[in-house]
Protein backbone atom coordinates (compact mmCIF):
# COMPACT_ATOMS: atom_id res chain seq x y z
CA MET A 1 52.14 -140.90 -51.79
CA GLY A 2 49.24 -139.62 -53.55
CA LYS A 3 46.84 -136.77 -52.33
CA PRO A 4 44.00 -137.88 -50.06
CA ALA A 5 40.72 -138.02 -51.75
CA LYS A 6 38.30 -135.05 -50.96
CA CYS A 7 35.08 -135.82 -49.17
CA LYS A 8 32.27 -134.61 -51.31
CA ARG A 9 28.86 -133.50 -49.86
CA ASN A 10 25.84 -134.82 -51.38
CA ILE A 11 22.84 -132.74 -52.52
CA SER A 12 20.85 -133.52 -49.43
CA ASP A 13 23.50 -132.02 -47.18
CA VAL A 14 23.71 -128.83 -49.24
CA SER A 15 19.95 -128.41 -49.18
CA ASN A 16 19.77 -128.75 -45.44
CA THR A 17 22.54 -126.18 -44.94
CA SER A 18 20.82 -123.65 -47.18
CA ILE A 19 17.56 -124.02 -45.35
CA GLU A 20 19.24 -123.47 -42.03
CA ASP A 21 21.03 -120.39 -43.31
CA MET A 22 17.83 -118.97 -44.72
CA SER A 23 16.07 -119.65 -41.48
CA THR A 24 18.82 -117.85 -39.57
CA ILE A 25 18.70 -114.91 -41.94
CA MET A 26 14.93 -114.68 -41.68
CA SER A 27 15.19 -114.86 -37.93
CA ASP A 28 17.74 -112.05 -37.96
CA LEU A 29 15.58 -110.04 -40.33
CA ASP A 30 12.57 -110.50 -38.08
CA GLU A 31 14.66 -109.37 -35.15
CA ILE A 32 15.91 -106.38 -37.08
CA LYS A 33 12.40 -105.63 -38.29
CA SER A 34 11.08 -105.81 -34.79
CA LYS A 35 13.69 -103.30 -33.75
CA LEU A 36 13.03 -100.90 -36.65
CA VAL A 37 10.91 -97.76 -35.81
CA THR A 38 8.08 -97.14 -38.16
CA LYS A 39 6.89 -93.71 -39.37
CA GLY A 40 3.90 -94.00 -37.15
CA ASP A 41 6.13 -94.75 -34.21
CA ILE A 42 8.23 -91.69 -35.01
CA GLN A 43 5.12 -89.53 -35.18
CA THR A 44 3.96 -90.95 -31.89
CA ILE A 45 7.33 -90.33 -30.28
CA VAL A 46 7.57 -86.81 -31.68
CA THR A 47 4.01 -86.07 -30.64
CA SER A 48 4.71 -87.35 -27.18
CA ILE A 49 7.90 -85.31 -26.91
CA VAL A 50 6.17 -82.19 -28.19
CA LYS A 51 3.31 -82.73 -25.77
CA GLU A 52 5.74 -83.11 -22.92
CA MET A 53 7.62 -79.97 -23.98
CA LEU A 54 4.40 -78.01 -24.38
CA LEU A 55 3.16 -79.24 -21.04
CA GLU A 56 6.43 -78.30 -19.42
CA ALA A 57 6.39 -74.89 -21.15
CA LYS A 58 2.78 -74.45 -20.10
CA ASN A 59 3.64 -75.27 -16.53
CA VAL A 60 6.59 -72.86 -16.61
CA MET A 61 4.48 -70.11 -18.17
CA GLN A 62 1.66 -70.75 -15.75
CA LYS A 63 4.07 -70.55 -12.86
CA GLU A 64 5.59 -67.36 -14.24
CA MET A 65 2.11 -65.93 -14.84
CA GLU A 66 1.11 -66.76 -11.30
CA GLU A 67 4.28 -65.14 -9.99
CA PHE A 68 3.68 -62.10 -12.23
CA LYS A 69 0.06 -61.95 -11.14
CA SER A 70 1.14 -62.20 -7.52
CA GLN A 71 3.63 -59.39 -8.05
CA GLN A 72 0.94 -57.34 -9.79
CA GLU A 73 -1.45 -57.91 -6.93
CA GLU A 74 1.22 -56.87 -4.46
CA VAL A 75 2.06 -53.75 -6.47
CA LYS A 76 -1.65 -53.02 -6.89
CA SER A 77 -2.17 -53.43 -3.17
CA GLN A 78 0.73 -51.08 -2.42
CA LEU A 79 -0.56 -48.55 -4.95
CA ASN A 80 -4.08 -48.74 -3.52
CA GLU A 81 -2.66 -48.25 -0.05
CA ARG A 82 -0.66 -45.23 -1.22
CA ILE A 83 -3.69 -43.87 -3.08
CA ASP A 84 -5.81 -44.26 0.05
CA LYS A 85 -3.18 -42.42 2.08
CA LEU A 86 -2.90 -39.69 -0.55
CA GLU A 87 -6.68 -39.33 -0.72
CA LYS A 88 -6.82 -39.03 3.05
CA GLN A 89 -4.00 -36.50 2.98
CA ASN A 90 -5.80 -34.65 0.20
CA ILE A 91 -9.00 -34.57 2.23
CA ASP A 92 -7.07 -33.39 5.28
CA LEU A 93 -5.33 -30.72 3.20
CA ARG A 94 -8.64 -29.58 1.69
CA GLU A 95 -10.14 -29.31 5.15
CA GLU A 96 -7.06 -27.48 6.41
CA LEU A 97 -7.16 -25.17 3.38
CA ALA A 98 -10.85 -24.51 3.97
CA ARG A 99 -10.12 -23.67 7.61
CA LYS A 100 -7.19 -21.45 6.61
CA SER A 101 -9.27 -19.74 3.91
CA LYS A 102 -12.08 -19.13 6.38
CA SER A 103 -9.59 -17.83 8.91
CA MET A 104 -7.98 -15.60 6.26
CA ARG A 105 -11.38 -14.23 5.23
CA GLU A 106 -12.23 -13.53 8.85
CA MET A 107 -8.83 -11.92 9.38
CA GLU A 108 -9.25 -9.86 6.21
CA ILE A 109 -12.67 -8.72 7.38
CA ASN A 110 -11.25 -7.89 10.80
CA VAL A 111 -8.28 -6.08 9.24
CA ASN A 112 -10.58 -4.10 6.95
CA GLN A 113 -12.87 -3.25 9.83
CA THR A 114 -9.91 -2.38 12.04
CA SER A 115 -8.43 -0.28 9.23
CA LYS A 116 -11.72 1.56 8.75
CA ILE A 117 -12.03 2.14 12.49
CA ALA A 118 -8.40 3.28 12.68
CA LYS A 119 -8.85 5.65 9.73
CA LYS A 120 -12.03 7.06 11.22
CA ALA A 121 -10.30 7.48 14.56
CA GLU A 122 -7.30 9.16 12.93
CA SER A 123 -9.55 11.43 10.87
CA LYS A 124 -11.54 12.34 13.97
CA ALA A 125 -8.38 12.96 15.99
CA ASN A 126 -7.00 15.13 13.18
CA PHE A 127 -10.27 17.03 12.94
CA ASN A 128 -10.32 17.60 16.71
CA GLU A 129 -6.70 18.72 16.66
CA GLN A 130 -7.38 21.06 13.75
CA TYR A 131 -10.51 22.36 15.45
CA SER A 132 -8.48 23.13 18.57
CA ARG A 133 -6.25 25.27 16.32
CA LYS A 134 -9.18 26.99 14.64
CA THR A 135 -8.41 30.38 16.14
CA ASN A 136 -4.63 29.94 15.96
CA ILE A 137 -2.36 32.05 13.75
CA LYS A 138 1.21 31.03 12.98
CA ILE A 139 3.50 34.03 12.67
CA TYR A 140 6.79 33.58 10.80
CA GLY A 141 9.86 35.81 10.72
CA VAL A 142 9.70 37.45 14.15
CA THR A 143 13.23 37.77 15.52
CA GLU A 144 13.86 35.83 18.73
CA LYS A 145 15.18 37.56 21.83
CA GLU A 146 16.20 36.28 25.22
CA ARG A 147 13.53 36.51 27.91
CA GLU A 148 11.11 37.89 25.35
CA ASN A 149 7.43 38.61 25.94
CA THR A 150 5.83 36.99 22.89
CA LYS A 151 2.42 38.52 23.60
CA LEU A 152 3.85 42.02 23.64
CA ILE A 153 5.99 41.33 20.56
CA VAL A 154 2.96 40.07 18.59
CA CYS A 155 0.79 43.03 19.57
CA GLN A 156 3.51 45.51 18.58
CA MET A 157 4.20 43.77 15.26
CA LEU A 158 0.51 43.62 14.30
CA LYS A 159 0.03 47.27 15.23
CA GLU A 160 3.09 48.51 13.33
CA VAL A 161 3.02 46.20 10.30
CA ALA A 162 -0.59 45.08 9.88
CA GLU A 163 -2.20 48.16 11.42
CA VAL A 164 -4.31 45.88 13.59
CA GLN A 165 -4.97 46.89 17.17
CA LEU A 166 -5.10 43.70 19.22
CA GLU A 167 -6.19 43.97 22.83
CA GLU A 168 -4.69 41.72 25.48
CA ASN A 169 -8.11 40.35 26.42
CA GLU A 170 -8.53 39.14 22.83
CA ILE A 171 -5.49 36.91 23.20
CA ILE A 172 -5.70 33.50 24.83
CA ALA A 173 -2.04 32.51 24.49
CA THR A 174 1.19 33.11 22.58
CA HIS A 175 4.28 30.93 22.41
CA ARG A 176 6.99 29.86 20.03
CA ILE A 177 6.86 26.34 18.65
CA PRO A 178 9.41 23.96 20.23
CA ALA A 179 11.49 23.53 17.09
CA GLY A 180 12.00 25.47 13.90
CA LYS A 181 14.17 25.40 10.81
CA PRO A 182 17.93 25.94 11.28
CA GLY A 183 18.99 29.56 10.82
CA LEU A 184 15.45 30.92 11.09
CA PRO A 185 13.53 32.24 14.10
CA ARG A 186 10.96 29.82 15.46
CA PRO A 187 7.39 30.72 14.46
CA ILE A 188 5.06 32.16 17.11
CA ILE A 189 1.64 30.62 17.70
CA LEU A 190 -1.00 33.24 18.47
CA LYS A 191 -4.30 31.93 19.84
CA VAL A 192 -7.15 34.45 19.86
CA LYS A 193 -10.58 34.26 21.49
CA ASN A 194 -12.73 33.76 18.37
CA SER A 195 -12.81 33.44 14.59
CA GLU A 196 -13.85 37.08 14.09
CA ILE A 197 -10.66 38.31 15.72
CA LYS A 198 -8.62 35.85 13.66
CA SER A 199 -10.34 36.93 10.44
CA ARG A 200 -9.62 40.58 11.23
CA ILE A 201 -5.92 39.78 11.54
CA MET A 202 -5.69 37.39 8.57
CA LYS A 203 -7.25 39.93 6.22
CA GLN A 204 -4.03 41.93 6.63
CA ARG A 205 -1.66 39.07 5.87
CA SER A 206 -0.81 40.40 2.39
CA LYS A 207 0.29 43.65 4.01
CA VAL A 208 2.41 41.69 6.51
CA LYS A 209 4.01 39.60 3.77
CA SER A 210 4.79 42.65 1.63
CA TYR A 211 6.57 44.20 4.61
CA GLY A 212 9.42 41.76 4.01
CA HIS A 213 12.02 40.52 6.51
CA GLY A 214 10.40 37.07 6.31
CA LEU A 215 7.28 38.17 8.16
CA ARG A 216 4.25 36.09 7.28
CA LEU A 217 0.89 35.02 8.74
CA ALA A 218 -0.52 31.53 8.21
CA ASP A 219 -3.10 29.15 9.59
CA ASP A 220 -1.89 26.71 12.21
CA VAL A 221 -2.53 23.56 10.14
CA THR A 222 -1.96 20.04 11.49
CA GLU A 223 0.86 17.98 10.03
CA LEU A 224 -1.63 15.51 8.51
CA ASN A 225 -3.49 18.33 6.76
CA ILE A 226 -0.19 19.79 5.54
CA GLN A 227 0.64 16.45 3.93
CA LEU A 228 -2.86 16.34 2.40
CA LEU A 229 -2.37 19.81 0.93
CA LYS A 230 0.93 18.70 -0.57
CA ARG A 231 -0.69 15.63 -2.17
CA LEU A 232 -3.48 17.73 -3.60
CA SER A 233 -1.07 20.36 -4.93
CA ALA A 234 0.93 17.62 -6.67
CA HIS A 235 -2.15 16.01 -8.24
CA HIS A 236 -2.43 16.58 -11.98
CA GLN A 237 -6.18 17.31 -11.82
CA ILE A 238 -6.08 19.77 -8.94
CA GLU A 239 -5.54 23.40 -9.89
CA GLN A 240 -5.46 24.79 -6.36
CA ALA A 241 -5.39 23.29 -2.86
CA TYR A 242 -6.13 25.34 0.23
CA TYR A 243 -7.17 25.25 3.87
CA PHE A 244 -10.22 27.12 5.17
CA ASN A 245 -12.00 27.11 8.50
CA GLY A 246 -10.78 23.69 9.66
CA TYR A 247 -11.03 21.86 6.33
CA VAL A 248 -8.89 21.20 3.26
CA TYR A 249 -10.28 21.97 -0.20
CA GLY A 250 -9.16 21.42 -3.77
CA ARG A 251 -10.27 23.16 -6.96
CA VAL A 252 -10.48 20.89 -9.99
CA LYS A 253 -8.75 22.10 -13.16
CA GLY A 254 -10.93 23.49 -15.93
CA GLY A 255 -13.82 24.47 -13.70
CA SER A 256 -15.02 26.14 -10.54
CA LYS A 257 -15.68 22.87 -8.77
CA ARG A 258 -14.34 22.84 -5.22
CA LEU A 259 -14.14 19.60 -3.29
CA ARG A 260 -13.48 18.99 0.38
CA PHE A 261 -10.92 16.34 1.21
CA ASP A 262 -10.14 14.28 4.29
CA ILE A 263 -6.70 12.87 5.10
CA HIS A 264 -7.90 9.41 3.98
CA THR A 265 -9.90 10.53 0.94
CA ASP A 266 -9.20 8.71 -2.33
CA ILE A 267 -8.38 11.78 -4.41
CA ASP A 268 -8.98 10.19 -7.83
CA LYS A 269 -12.25 8.65 -6.69
CA LYS A 270 -13.39 11.93 -5.16
CA ILE A 271 -12.63 13.87 -8.33
CA LYS A 272 -14.37 11.23 -10.46
CA LYS A 273 -17.50 11.45 -8.37
CA GLY A 274 -17.25 15.22 -8.60
CA HIS A 275 -19.25 15.96 -5.49
CA ARG A 276 -19.70 19.70 -5.37
CA GLN A 277 -19.12 21.30 -2.02
CA PRO A 278 -21.22 24.25 -0.79
CA SER A 279 -19.82 27.56 -2.01
CA LEU A 280 -17.66 29.47 0.44
CA ALA A 281 -19.15 32.92 0.72
CA SER A 282 -16.06 34.37 2.31
CA GLY A 283 -12.67 33.30 3.51
CA TYR A 284 -9.01 33.43 2.67
CA ASN A 285 -6.87 31.15 0.58
CA THR A 286 -3.99 29.63 2.50
CA ASN A 287 -2.60 27.62 -0.38
CA SER A 288 0.87 29.10 -0.15
CA ASP A 289 0.94 29.79 3.58
CA SER A 290 -0.37 26.60 5.17
CA ASP A 291 2.82 24.55 4.88
CA ASP A 292 5.21 24.59 7.77
CA GLU A 293 8.30 26.41 6.55
């Protein structure tokens, strides 16, 4: 058998098929084109996305700023509260300090006044005590005996050693001091009726001292005045310190200036002022014999 004859399309059929295909392609292209994103669309999309991101970032930042501001306000409020408390405490402390300072000033004034009053009282008491001893003579070196008569012993010693005749009616009292230095006889206190009698005896004290055996005559000086004499003797500007007639004097080095000192006198200040005391017409220097030995 022979091959079947092929069916051939005519030109009209081919033309119709091509048109349909072209139409389909164009339709597909239009569909594709409609789905394609243009540059403008991209810009719009990007702009929209950026705007959304910026808006979101702005909202986040705004929220954070508000939170930060809130925290700042809270911290500021706490700080202001603490500052107010500190200022109040500072005011209270200033007021308390002012009260304390006022109280301290008042106390200082009172202490100074009390100190001045106490010093004046002590000086007066010392003066009165020294005045009560004005006619006293302290006699060192007289041997102690049991059941001794100190008045008789003193009269005999003065007659034999000092060649001074002392009558019993010129004597007010005689006694040994309660305590003396170990190994030495206790000094005898002789109290006479007046300064003239005392002066008559004291004028012979060099003769008594030269007799030896530890015999010595001295003024009966208070302990406070003894300490004053020691301070004056140790002072670098005082040449000589001595007791006379109830008072303590010091002679300034390099001159004849004699100053009278009290137990509370500022020695340096007194010397600087250089107040000259009235000259002593007569008397006896007790510089070496006024200390209690």
